Amino acid sequence: MRNTSDPTQIGVKWIPISELPSIVLYPEIQEDIVNYCRGKEYRNYVEEYEIQQRKL
């Protein structure tokens, strides 16, 4: 099997969901992950442009 991992990835780590807001993710999908875990509505397709526009 050929290794096709991301060459810029520096690690993988499990964290408690309560720590997710303090973690840097690209794209910024922390809120969507938390909403999914809580059974709330979330975006199942994330577009970085849409995320950045919400911040404005």
N, C-alpha and C. Protein backbone atom coordinates (compact mmCIF):
# COMPACT_ATOMS: atom_id res chain seq x y z
N MET A 1 0.84 -1.19 0.00
CA MET A 1 0.00 0.00 0.00
C MET A 1 0.88 1.24 0.00
N ARG A 2 0.55 2.19 -0.83
CA ARG A 2 1.32 3.42 -0.96
C ARG A 2 0.91 4.44 0.10
N ASN A 3 1.88 5.12 0.69
CA ASN A 3 1.61 6.15 1.68
C ASN A 3 1.23 7.44 0.96
N THR A 4 0.02 7.91 1.19
CA THR A 4 -0.45 9.15 0.54
C THR A 4 -0.81 10.21 1.58
N SER A 5 -0.17 10.14 2.73
CA SER A 5 -0.49 11.12 3.78
C SER A 5 -0.01 12.51 3.40
N ASP A 6 -0.54 13.49 4.09
CA ASP A 6 -0.18 14.89 3.87
C ASP A 6 1.25 15.10 4.33
N PRO A 7 2.16 15.50 3.46
CA PRO A 7 3.56 15.68 3.85
C PRO A 7 3.79 16.83 4.84
N THR A 8 2.80 17.73 4.98
CA THR A 8 2.96 18.84 5.91
C THR A 8 2.33 18.55 7.27
N GLN A 9 1.65 17.41 7.38
CA GLN A 9 1.03 17.04 8.66
C GLN A 9 2.12 16.72 9.67
N ILE A 10 1.97 17.28 10.87
CA ILE A 10 3.01 17.06 11.89
C ILE A 10 2.57 16.14 13.01
N GLY A 11 1.29 15.74 13.00
CA GLY A 11 0.85 14.83 14.05
C GLY A 11 -0.64 14.65 14.08
N VAL A 12 -1.05 13.70 14.90
CA VAL A 12 -2.46 13.42 15.13
C VAL A 12 -2.64 13.30 16.63
N LYS A 13 -3.73 13.87 17.13
CA LYS A 13 -3.93 13.85 18.58
C LYS A 13 -5.42 13.85 18.88
N TRP A 14 -5.87 12.97 19.77
CA TRP A 14 -7.24 12.98 20.26
C TRP A 14 -7.32 14.00 21.38
N ILE A 15 -8.38 14.80 21.36
CA ILE A 15 -8.58 15.81 22.41
C ILE A 15 -10.03 15.75 22.89
N PRO A 16 -10.28 16.18 24.11
CA PRO A 16 -11.67 16.27 24.57
C PRO A 16 -12.41 17.33 23.75
N ILE A 17 -13.68 17.09 23.48
CA ILE A 17 -14.47 18.04 22.68
C ILE A 17 -14.48 19.42 23.33
N SER A 18 -14.35 19.48 24.65
CA SER A 18 -14.36 20.77 25.34
C SER A 18 -13.13 21.62 25.01
N GLU A 19 -12.07 21.00 24.53
CA GLU A 19 -10.85 21.73 24.16
C GLU A 19 -10.83 22.15 22.69
N LEU A 20 -11.78 21.67 21.92
CA LEU A 20 -11.77 21.93 20.49
C LEU A 20 -11.74 23.41 20.11
N PRO A 21 -12.48 24.30 20.80
CA PRO A 21 -12.43 25.72 20.42
C PRO A 21 -11.04 26.35 20.50
N SER A 22 -10.15 25.77 21.28
CA SER A 22 -8.80 26.34 21.41
C SER A 22 -7.80 25.74 20.43
N ILE A 23 -8.23 24.82 19.59
CA ILE A 23 -7.35 24.15 18.64
C ILE A 23 -7.44 24.85 17.28
N VAL A 24 -6.32 25.02 16.60
CA VAL A 24 -6.29 25.62 15.27
C VAL A 24 -6.54 24.54 14.24
N LEU A 25 -7.59 24.72 13.45
CA LEU A 25 -7.93 23.80 12.36
C LEU A 25 -8.09 24.59 11.07
N TYR A 26 -7.73 24.00 9.97
CA TYR A 26 -7.94 24.60 8.65
C TYR A 26 -8.62 23.58 7.77
N PRO A 27 -9.81 23.85 7.24
CA PRO A 27 -10.58 25.05 7.50
C PRO A 27 -11.09 25.07 8.93
N GLU A 28 -11.60 26.20 9.33
CA GLU A 28 -12.04 26.40 10.72
C GLU A 28 -13.40 25.74 10.92
N ILE A 29 -13.40 24.47 11.30
CA ILE A 29 -14.64 23.69 11.43
C ILE A 29 -14.93 23.27 12.86
N GLN A 30 -14.28 23.92 13.82
CA GLN A 30 -14.48 23.55 15.23
C GLN A 30 -15.95 23.59 15.61
N GLU A 31 -16.65 24.67 15.28
CA GLU A 31 -18.05 24.83 15.65
C GLU A 31 -18.91 23.72 15.02
N ASP A 32 -18.61 23.37 13.79
CA ASP A 32 -19.36 22.31 13.12
C ASP A 32 -19.16 20.96 13.81
N ILE A 33 -17.97 20.68 14.25
CA ILE A 33 -17.69 19.42 14.95
C ILE A 33 -18.44 19.37 16.27
N VAL A 34 -18.40 20.47 17.02
CA VAL A 34 -19.10 20.54 18.31
C VAL A 34 -20.60 20.37 18.08
N ASN A 35 -21.15 21.06 17.09
CA ASN A 35 -22.58 20.94 16.80
C ASN A 35 -22.94 19.51 16.41
N TYR A 36 -22.13 18.87 15.60
CA TYR A 36 -22.36 17.48 15.22
C TYR A 36 -22.40 16.58 16.46
N CYS A 37 -21.45 16.75 17.35
CA CYS A 37 -21.38 15.93 18.56
C CYS A 37 -22.57 16.16 19.48
N ARG A 38 -23.14 17.35 19.45
CA ARG A 38 -24.29 17.68 20.30
C ARG A 38 -25.63 17.40 19.62
N GLY A 39 -25.57 16.87 18.39
CA GLY A 39 -26.80 16.56 17.67
C GLY A 39 -27.50 17.78 17.10
N LYS A 40 -26.77 18.89 17.01
CA LYS A 40 -27.35 20.12 16.47
C LYS A 40 -27.06 20.22 14.96
N GLU A 41 -27.67 21.21 14.34
CA GLU A 41 -27.46 21.44 12.91
C GLU A 41 -26.01 21.86 12.66
N TYR A 42 -25.44 21.35 11.61
CA TYR A 42 -24.06 21.68 11.24
C TYR A 42 -23.93 21.65 9.72
N ARG A 43 -22.90 22.27 9.22
CA ARG A 43 -22.64 22.24 7.77
C ARG A 43 -21.92 20.94 7.46
N ASN A 44 -22.43 20.18 6.50
CA ASN A 44 -21.74 18.96 6.13
C ASN A 44 -20.78 19.18 4.97
N TYR A 45 -20.79 20.37 4.42
CA TYR A 45 -19.80 20.75 3.41
C TYR A 45 -19.26 22.11 3.83
N VAL A 46 -17.99 22.18 4.08
CA VAL A 46 -17.41 23.40 4.61
C VAL A 46 -16.62 24.11 3.51
N GLU A 47 -16.90 25.34 3.32
CA GLU A 47 -16.20 26.17 2.35
C GLU A 47 -15.48 27.28 3.11
N GLU A 48 -14.17 27.35 3.02
CA GLU A 48 -13.39 28.31 3.79
C GLU A 48 -13.88 29.74 3.55
N TYR A 49 -14.26 30.08 2.35
CA TYR A 49 -14.75 31.42 2.06
C TYR A 49 -15.97 31.75 2.92
N GLU A 50 -16.91 30.80 3.02
CA GLU A 50 -18.12 31.02 3.81
C GLU A 50 -17.77 31.23 5.29
N ILE A 51 -16.84 30.50 5.79
CA ILE A 51 -16.42 30.63 7.19
C ILE A 51 -15.85 32.02 7.44
N GLN A 52 -14.98 32.46 6.57
CA GLN A 52 -14.34 33.76 6.74
C GLN A 52 -15.36 34.89 6.61
N GLN A 53 -16.36 34.75 5.72
CA GLN A 53 -17.37 35.77 5.56
C GLN A 53 -18.24 35.91 6.80
N ARG A 54 -18.47 34.83 7.51
CA ARG A 54 -19.25 34.88 8.74
C ARG A 54 -18.56 35.71 9.82
N LYS A 55 -17.25 35.80 9.75
CA LYS A 55 -16.48 36.53 10.77
C LYS A 55 -16.57 38.04 10.57
N LEU A 56 -16.92 38.46 9.37
CA LEU A 56 -16.96 39.90 9.07
C LEU A 56 -18.13 40.61 9.70
